[in-house]
């Protein structure tokens, strides 16, 4: 009888270990909204997280986004003071866009991010070239010292 208890205990332990070892692991969930996708994109650049950066881009755009563009984008966000999103139309599963204003020391830079749903999460499909707009008042100018 004692031998049967030991065998049952051993079987339970082995099944538990196998269950833990081979239990499917959940992958990191994607962005639930277009705004969350843009936020995650900027977070990945600020933290130099290349894997997180790639998860923000769809397959076809990932091919264009090589390592050197990631390094340049990370370097580009160092003087970023703030980001303002202005969403475009949301039409079901169709691609949409979000205009982003990047507040910088020298002025404001506007970019348009094109997004679509991919496997239940939002991803970036393209980024239009930036449009620079000089600021009439330089960022950080004390109140009362404006031109």
N, C-alpha and C. Protein backbone atom coordinates (compact mmCIF):
# COMPACT_ATOMS: atom_id res chain seq x y z
N UNK A 1 0.82 -1.19 0.00
CA UNK A 1 0.00 0.00 0.00
C UNK A 1 0.86 1.26 0.00
N UNK A 2 1.95 1.23 0.77
CA UNK A 2 2.85 2.38 0.84
C UNK A 2 3.49 2.65 -0.52
N UNK A 3 3.82 1.59 -1.23
CA UNK A 3 4.43 1.73 -2.55
C UNK A 3 3.46 2.42 -3.52
N UNK A 4 2.17 2.11 -3.44
CA UNK A 4 1.17 2.73 -4.29
C UNK A 4 1.07 4.23 -4.02
N UNK A 5 1.12 4.64 -2.74
CA UNK A 5 1.08 6.06 -2.38
C UNK A 5 2.29 6.80 -2.94
N UNK A 6 3.44 6.19 -2.87
CA UNK A 6 4.67 6.82 -3.38
C UNK A 6 4.58 6.97 -4.91
N UNK A 7 4.06 5.96 -5.61
CA UNK A 7 3.91 6.04 -7.06
C UNK A 7 2.91 7.12 -7.46
N UNK A 8 1.81 7.23 -6.72
CA UNK A 8 0.82 8.27 -7.01
C UNK A 8 1.42 9.65 -6.77
N UNK A 9 2.12 9.81 -5.66
CA UNK A 9 2.76 11.08 -5.36
C UNK A 9 3.78 11.45 -6.43
N UNK A 10 4.56 10.49 -6.85
CA UNK A 10 5.56 10.71 -7.90
C UNK A 10 4.89 11.10 -9.22
N UNK A 11 3.79 10.43 -9.57
CA UNK A 11 3.06 10.76 -10.79
C UNK A 11 2.50 12.17 -10.73
N UNK A 12 1.95 12.58 -9.59
CA UNK A 12 1.41 13.93 -9.44
C UNK A 12 2.52 14.97 -9.59
N UNK A 13 3.66 14.71 -8.99
CA UNK A 13 4.79 15.64 -9.09
C UNK A 13 5.26 15.75 -10.54
N UNK A 14 5.39 14.65 -11.25
CA UNK A 14 5.84 14.68 -12.64
C UNK A 14 4.83 15.39 -13.54
N UNK A 15 3.54 15.16 -13.32
CA UNK A 15 2.51 15.84 -14.12
C UNK A 15 2.55 17.34 -13.85
N UNK A 16 2.74 17.74 -12.60
CA UNK A 16 2.82 19.15 -12.25
C UNK A 16 4.02 19.81 -12.91
N UNK A 17 5.16 19.17 -12.87
CA UNK A 17 6.38 19.71 -13.50
C UNK A 17 6.19 19.82 -15.01
N UNK A 18 5.61 18.78 -15.63
CA UNK A 18 5.37 18.81 -17.07
C UNK A 18 4.38 19.92 -17.43
N UNK A 19 3.35 20.11 -16.61
CA UNK A 19 2.37 21.16 -16.85
C UNK A 19 2.98 22.54 -16.79
N UNK A 20 3.84 22.76 -15.81
CA UNK A 20 4.51 24.05 -15.67
C UNK A 20 5.46 24.28 -16.84
N UNK A 21 6.18 23.26 -17.22
CA UNK A 21 7.18 23.38 -18.28
C UNK A 21 6.56 23.63 -19.64
N UNK A 22 5.46 22.94 -19.95
CA UNK A 22 4.89 23.01 -21.29
C UNK A 22 3.60 23.83 -21.37
N UNK A 23 3.23 24.54 -20.32
CA UNK A 23 2.04 25.38 -20.35
C UNK A 23 2.27 26.51 -21.34
N UNK A 24 1.30 26.76 -22.21
CA UNK A 24 1.52 27.83 -23.20
C UNK A 24 1.68 29.18 -22.53
N UNK A 25 2.72 29.88 -22.93
CA UNK A 25 2.97 31.20 -22.37
C UNK A 25 2.28 32.23 -23.22
N UNK A 26 1.69 33.21 -22.58
CA UNK A 26 1.02 34.28 -23.30
C UNK A 26 2.07 35.25 -23.81
N UNK A 27 1.92 35.61 -25.06
CA UNK A 27 2.83 36.62 -25.60
C UNK A 27 2.33 37.99 -25.18
N UNK A 28 3.19 38.97 -25.29
CA UNK A 28 2.82 40.32 -24.90
C UNK A 28 1.66 40.79 -25.78
N UNK A 29 0.63 41.27 -25.13
CA UNK A 29 -0.55 41.73 -25.86
C UNK A 29 -0.20 42.99 -26.65
N UNK A 30 -0.84 43.11 -27.80
CA UNK A 30 -0.61 44.27 -28.62
C UNK A 30 -1.45 45.45 -28.15
N UNK A 31 -1.41 46.50 -28.92
CA UNK A 31 -2.13 47.73 -28.57
C UNK A 31 -3.61 47.56 -28.86
N UNK A 32 -4.43 47.87 -27.87
CA UNK A 32 -5.88 47.75 -28.00
C UNK A 32 -6.49 48.92 -28.77
N UNK A 33 -5.80 50.06 -28.76
CA UNK A 33 -6.30 51.25 -29.46
C UNK A 33 -5.17 51.87 -30.28
N UNK A 34 -5.51 52.67 -31.28
CA UNK A 34 -4.46 53.34 -32.05
C UNK A 34 -3.59 54.25 -31.18
N UNK A 35 -4.22 54.96 -30.23
CA UNK A 35 -3.46 55.86 -29.35
C UNK A 35 -2.47 55.07 -28.49
N UNK A 36 -2.89 53.90 -28.03
CA UNK A 36 -2.00 53.05 -27.23
C UNK A 36 -0.82 52.57 -28.06
N UNK A 37 -1.06 52.31 -29.34
CA UNK A 37 0.02 51.89 -30.24
C UNK A 37 1.07 52.98 -30.37
N UNK A 38 0.62 54.22 -30.55
CA UNK A 38 1.55 55.35 -30.68
C UNK A 38 2.31 55.55 -29.37
N UNK A 39 1.61 55.46 -28.23
CA UNK A 39 2.28 55.59 -26.93
C UNK A 39 3.35 54.52 -26.75
N UNK A 40 3.02 53.28 -27.11
CA UNK A 40 3.98 52.18 -27.00
C UNK A 40 5.17 52.40 -27.91
N UNK A 41 4.93 52.94 -29.09
CA UNK A 41 6.00 53.23 -30.04
C UNK A 41 7.00 54.22 -29.43
N UNK A 42 6.49 55.31 -28.85
CA UNK A 42 7.38 56.31 -28.25
C UNK A 42 8.08 55.75 -27.00
N UNK A 43 7.38 54.93 -26.22
CA UNK A 43 8.01 54.30 -25.05
C UNK A 43 9.17 53.41 -25.48
N UNK A 44 8.99 52.67 -26.58
CA UNK A 44 10.06 51.79 -27.05
C UNK A 44 11.28 52.58 -27.48
N UNK A 45 11.06 53.75 -28.08
CA UNK A 45 12.19 54.58 -28.50
C UNK A 45 12.91 55.17 -27.29
N UNK A 46 12.15 55.63 -26.31
CA UNK A 46 12.77 56.23 -25.12
C UNK A 46 13.54 55.21 -24.29
N UNK A 47 13.08 53.96 -24.31
CA UNK A 47 13.75 52.93 -23.50
C UNK A 47 14.71 52.07 -24.32
N UNK A 48 14.92 52.41 -25.60
CA UNK A 48 15.80 51.64 -26.49
C UNK A 48 15.41 50.16 -26.56
N UNK A 49 14.13 49.86 -26.62
CA UNK A 49 13.62 48.49 -26.65
C UNK A 49 13.27 48.12 -28.10
N UNK A 50 14.20 47.48 -28.79
CA UNK A 50 14.03 47.15 -30.20
C UNK A 50 12.89 46.16 -30.43
N UNK A 51 12.73 45.17 -29.57
CA UNK A 51 11.66 44.18 -29.72
C UNK A 51 10.29 44.83 -29.57
N UNK A 52 10.15 45.71 -28.61
CA UNK A 52 8.89 46.43 -28.41
C UNK A 52 8.61 47.33 -29.61
N UNK A 53 9.65 47.94 -30.15
CA UNK A 53 9.56 48.79 -31.34
C UNK A 53 9.01 47.99 -32.52
N UNK A 54 9.55 46.79 -32.72
CA UNK A 54 9.11 45.96 -33.84
C UNK A 54 7.67 45.51 -33.68
N UNK A 55 7.22 45.27 -32.43
CA UNK A 55 5.83 44.86 -32.20
C UNK A 55 4.85 45.97 -32.54
N UNK A 56 5.31 47.22 -32.61
CA UNK A 56 4.44 48.34 -32.96
C UNK A 56 4.25 48.48 -34.47
N UNK A 57 5.03 47.77 -35.26
CA UNK A 57 5.01 47.91 -36.71
C UNK A 57 4.43 46.66 -37.36
N UNK A 58 3.69 46.83 -38.47
CA UNK A 58 3.17 45.64 -39.14
C UNK A 58 4.29 44.98 -39.96
N UNK A 59 4.01 43.77 -40.45
CA UNK A 59 5.05 42.96 -41.11
C UNK A 59 5.71 43.69 -42.27
N UNK A 60 4.93 44.27 -43.16
CA UNK A 60 5.52 44.90 -44.35
C UNK A 60 6.36 46.12 -43.98
N UNK A 61 5.93 46.87 -42.98
CA UNK A 61 6.70 48.06 -42.58
C UNK A 61 7.94 47.68 -41.78
N UNK A 62 7.89 46.54 -41.09
CA UNK A 62 9.06 46.06 -40.35
C UNK A 62 10.24 45.81 -41.27
N UNK A 63 9.96 45.34 -42.47
CA UNK A 63 11.03 45.08 -43.43
C UNK A 63 11.80 46.35 -43.76
N UNK A 64 11.09 47.48 -43.78
CA UNK A 64 11.73 48.76 -44.07
C UNK A 64 12.44 49.32 -42.84
N UNK A 65 11.94 48.99 -41.65
CA UNK A 65 12.49 49.54 -40.41
C UNK A 65 13.67 48.70 -39.95
N UNK A 66 14.80 49.00 -40.44
CA UNK A 66 16.01 48.26 -40.09
C UNK A 66 16.63 48.86 -38.83
N UNK A 67 17.63 48.20 -38.32
CA UNK A 67 18.27 48.59 -37.06
C UNK A 67 18.75 50.04 -37.06
N UNK A 68 19.34 50.51 -38.16
CA UNK A 68 19.88 51.88 -38.14
C UNK A 68 18.78 52.93 -38.02
N UNK A 69 17.58 52.65 -38.58
CA UNK A 69 16.49 53.62 -38.44
C UNK A 69 15.99 53.66 -37.00
N UNK A 70 16.05 52.51 -36.30
CA UNK A 70 15.67 52.47 -34.89
C UNK A 70 16.64 53.31 -34.06
N UNK A 71 17.92 53.16 -34.31
CA UNK A 71 18.94 53.92 -33.57
C UNK A 71 18.75 55.42 -33.82
N UNK A 72 18.50 55.79 -35.07
CA UNK A 72 18.29 57.19 -35.40
C UNK A 72 17.02 57.73 -34.73
N UNK A 73 15.96 56.94 -34.69
CA UNK A 73 14.72 57.37 -34.05
C UNK A 73 14.89 57.52 -32.55
N UNK A 74 15.67 56.61 -31.92
CA UNK A 74 15.95 56.73 -30.48
C UNK A 74 16.72 58.01 -30.19
N UNK A 75 17.69 58.31 -31.03
CA UNK A 75 18.48 59.52 -30.85
C UNK A 75 17.61 60.76 -31.06
N UNK A 76 16.63 60.63 -31.94
CA UNK A 76 15.77 61.76 -32.29
C UNK A 76 14.80 62.14 -31.16
N UNK A 77 14.44 61.20 -30.29
CA UNK A 77 13.49 61.50 -29.22
C UNK A 77 14.15 62.05 -27.97
N UNK A 78 15.46 62.23 -27.98
CA UNK A 78 16.15 62.71 -26.78
C UNK A 78 15.76 64.13 -26.41
N UNK A 79 15.48 64.98 -27.40
CA UNK A 79 15.08 66.36 -27.08
C UNK A 79 13.56 66.55 -27.11
N UNK A 80 12.82 65.46 -27.08
CA UNK A 80 11.37 65.51 -27.10
C UNK A 80 10.84 65.95 -25.74
N UNK A 81 10.00 66.98 -25.74
CA UNK A 81 9.43 67.51 -24.50
C UNK A 81 8.02 67.00 -24.26
N UNK A 82 7.30 66.70 -25.32
CA UNK A 82 5.94 66.21 -25.19
C UNK A 82 5.40 65.74 -26.52
N UNK A 83 4.33 64.94 -26.46
CA UNK A 83 3.71 64.39 -27.65
C UNK A 83 2.20 64.62 -27.54
N UNK A 84 1.61 65.18 -28.59
CA UNK A 84 0.17 65.41 -28.63
C UNK A 84 -0.39 64.65 -29.82
N UNK A 85 -1.39 63.80 -29.56
CA UNK A 85 -2.00 63.02 -30.63
C UNK A 85 -3.32 63.63 -31.05
N UNK A 86 -3.54 63.68 -32.36
CA UNK A 86 -4.80 64.14 -32.93
C UNK A 86 -5.30 63.05 -33.87
N UNK A 87 -6.23 62.22 -33.38
CA UNK A 87 -6.66 61.07 -34.19
C UNK A 87 -7.46 61.48 -35.42
N UNK A 88 -7.28 60.70 -36.46
CA UNK A 88 -8.06 60.85 -37.68
C UNK A 88 -9.29 59.96 -37.58
N UNK A 89 -9.90 59.63 -38.72
CA UNK A 89 -11.12 58.82 -38.69
C UNK A 89 -10.86 57.38 -38.29
N UNK A 90 -11.82 56.80 -37.56
CA UNK A 90 -11.78 55.37 -37.23
C UNK A 90 -12.96 54.74 -37.95
N UNK A 91 -12.65 53.90 -38.92
CA UNK A 91 -13.69 53.31 -39.75
C UNK A 91 -13.57 51.79 -39.73
N UNK A 92 -14.02 51.17 -38.65
CA UNK A 92 -14.00 49.72 -38.56
C UNK A 92 -12.59 49.16 -38.65
N UNK A 93 -12.37 48.29 -39.61
CA UNK A 93 -11.07 47.64 -39.77
C UNK A 93 -10.19 48.35 -40.80
N UNK A 94 -10.69 49.43 -41.38
CA UNK A 94 -9.91 50.13 -42.40
C UNK A 94 -8.73 50.87 -41.78
N UNK A 95 -7.66 51.04 -42.53
CA UNK A 95 -6.53 51.82 -42.01
C UNK A 95 -6.95 53.23 -41.63
N UNK A 96 -6.32 53.79 -40.66
CA UNK A 96 -6.57 55.17 -40.28
C UNK A 96 -5.25 55.85 -39.99
N UNK A 97 -5.33 57.10 -39.60
CA UNK A 97 -4.11 57.84 -39.32
C UNK A 97 -4.29 58.64 -38.04
N UNK A 98 -3.15 58.98 -37.44
CA UNK A 98 -3.11 59.85 -36.27
C UNK A 98 -2.00 60.86 -36.54
N UNK A 99 -2.35 62.14 -36.42
CA UNK A 99 -1.33 63.18 -36.50
C UNK A 99 -0.73 63.36 -35.11
N UNK A 100 0.57 63.41 -35.06
CA UNK A 100 1.28 63.57 -33.79
C UNK A 100 2.11 64.84 -33.87
N UNK A 101 1.94 65.68 -32.86
CA UNK A 101 2.78 66.87 -32.73
C UNK A 101 3.81 66.59 -31.66
N UNK A 102 5.06 66.63 -32.06
CA UNK A 102 6.16 66.44 -31.12
C UNK A 102 6.66 67.82 -30.69
N UNK A 103 6.49 68.13 -29.43
CA UNK A 103 6.95 69.41 -28.90
C UNK A 103 8.44 69.26 -28.58
N UNK A 104 9.24 70.12 -29.19
CA UNK A 104 10.69 70.08 -29.02
C UNK A 104 11.18 71.45 -28.58
N UNK A 105 12.43 71.52 -28.21
CA UNK A 105 13.01 72.77 -27.75
C UNK A 105 12.94 73.84 -28.84
N UNK A 106 13.24 73.48 -30.06
CA UNK A 106 13.31 74.45 -31.16
C UNK A 106 11.97 74.71 -31.83
N UNK A 107 10.98 73.88 -31.59
CA UNK A 107 9.70 74.07 -32.25
C UNK A 107 8.85 72.82 -32.17
N UNK A 108 7.91 72.74 -33.09
CA UNK A 108 6.98 71.61 -33.13
C UNK A 108 7.19 70.86 -34.44
N UNK A 109 7.20 69.55 -34.34
CA UNK A 109 7.33 68.71 -35.52
C UNK A 109 6.07 67.86 -35.63
N UNK A 110 5.46 67.85 -36.80
CA UNK A 110 4.23 67.09 -37.02
C UNK A 110 4.52 65.88 -37.89
N UNK A 111 4.00 64.74 -37.45
CA UNK A 111 4.14 63.49 -38.20
C UNK A 111 2.75 62.86 -38.33
N UNK A 112 2.53 62.15 -39.40
CA UNK A 112 1.29 61.40 -39.57
C UNK A 112 1.63 59.91 -39.56
N UNK A 113 1.02 59.20 -38.61
CA UNK A 113 1.19 57.75 -38.47
C UNK A 113 -0.04 57.08 -39.06
N UNK A 114 0.17 56.14 -39.97
CA UNK A 114 -0.92 55.36 -40.55
C UNK A 114 -0.97 54.03 -39.80
N UNK A 115 -2.16 53.64 -39.37
CA UNK A 115 -2.33 52.43 -38.56
C UNK A 115 -3.43 51.54 -39.12
N UNK A 116 -3.38 50.26 -38.75
CA UNK A 116 -4.45 49.33 -39.07
C UNK A 116 -4.45 48.22 -38.03
N UNK A 117 -5.52 47.45 -38.01
CA UNK A 117 -5.61 46.30 -37.10
C UNK A 117 -4.84 45.14 -37.72
N UNK A 118 -4.09 44.43 -36.87
CA UNK A 118 -3.35 43.26 -37.32
C UNK A 118 -3.43 42.22 -36.23
N UNK A 119 -4.23 41.19 -36.44
CA UNK A 119 -4.36 40.14 -35.44
C UNK A 119 -4.97 40.61 -34.14
N UNK A 120 -5.87 41.54 -34.19
CA UNK A 120 -6.54 42.00 -32.98
C UNK A 120 -5.89 43.18 -32.28
N UNK A 121 -4.72 43.60 -32.75
CA UNK A 121 -4.08 44.77 -32.13
C UNK A 121 -3.72 45.77 -33.22
N UNK A 122 -3.54 47.01 -32.81
CA UNK A 122 -3.22 48.08 -33.74
C UNK A 122 -1.72 48.15 -33.96
N UNK A 123 -1.31 48.36 -35.22
CA UNK A 123 0.10 48.49 -35.58
C UNK A 123 0.26 49.63 -36.57
N UNK A 124 1.47 50.14 -36.64
CA UNK A 124 1.81 51.23 -37.56
C UNK A 124 2.15 50.63 -38.92
N UNK A 125 1.52 51.16 -39.98
CA UNK A 125 1.80 50.67 -41.33
C UNK A 125 2.71 51.61 -42.11
N UNK A 126 2.74 52.89 -41.72
CA UNK A 126 3.61 53.87 -42.39
C UNK A 126 3.70 55.13 -41.54
N UNK A 127 4.80 55.86 -41.72
CA UNK A 127 4.99 57.14 -41.05
C UNK A 127 5.39 58.15 -42.13
N UNK A 128 4.58 59.19 -42.27
CA UNK A 128 4.89 60.23 -43.25
C UNK A 128 6.09 61.05 -42.78
N UNK A 129 6.83 61.66 -43.71
CA UNK A 129 7.97 62.50 -43.32
C UNK A 129 7.51 63.65 -42.42
N UNK A 130 8.36 64.06 -41.49
CA UNK A 130 7.97 65.12 -40.56
C UNK A 130 7.87 66.49 -41.23
N UNK A 131 7.00 67.32 -40.67
CA UNK A 131 6.87 68.71 -41.09
C UNK A 131 7.26 69.57 -39.90
N UNK A 132 8.33 70.34 -40.06
CA UNK A 132 8.84 71.19 -38.98
C UNK A 132 8.07 72.51 -38.95
N UNK A 133 7.75 72.97 -37.74
CA UNK A 133 7.09 74.26 -37.55
C UNK A 133 7.84 74.98 -36.45
N UNK A 134 8.49 76.09 -36.77
CA UNK A 134 9.19 76.82 -35.71
C UNK A 134 8.19 77.38 -34.70
N UNK A 135 8.58 77.38 -33.46
CA UNK A 135 7.71 77.90 -32.41
C UNK A 135 7.98 79.39 -32.23
N UNK A 136 6.91 80.21 -32.12
CA UNK A 136 7.14 81.65 -31.91
C UNK A 136 7.78 81.93 -30.55
N UNK A 137 7.54 81.04 -29.60
CA UNK A 137 8.14 81.18 -28.27
C UNK A 137 8.91 79.89 -28.00
N UNK A 138 10.19 80.01 -27.78
CA UNK A 138 11.04 78.84 -27.55
C UNK A 138 10.61 78.11 -26.29
N UNK A 139 10.60 76.78 -26.35
CA UNK A 139 10.23 75.96 -25.20
C UNK A 139 11.15 76.28 -24.02
N UNK A 140 10.58 76.46 -22.84
CA UNK A 140 11.36 76.74 -21.65
C UNK A 140 11.57 78.22 -21.36
N UNK A 141 11.04 79.09 -22.22
CA UNK A 141 11.17 80.53 -22.00
C UNK A 141 10.33 80.92 -20.79
N UNK A 142 10.92 81.59 -19.79
CA UNK A 142 10.14 81.99 -18.61
C UNK A 142 9.01 82.95 -18.98
N UNK A 143 7.92 82.84 -18.26
CA UNK A 143 6.77 83.70 -18.49
C UNK A 143 7.18 85.14 -18.23
N UNK A 144 6.79 86.02 -19.11
CA UNK A 144 7.15 87.44 -18.99
C UNK A 144 8.36 87.79 -19.82
N UNK A 145 9.13 86.79 -20.28
CA UNK A 145 10.30 87.05 -21.11
C UNK A 145 10.07 86.67 -22.56
N UNK A 146 8.80 86.50 -22.94
CA UNK A 146 8.49 86.15 -24.32
C UNK A 146 8.82 87.34 -25.23
N UNK A 147 9.10 87.06 -26.50
CA UNK A 147 9.41 88.16 -27.43
C UNK A 147 8.19 89.01 -27.72
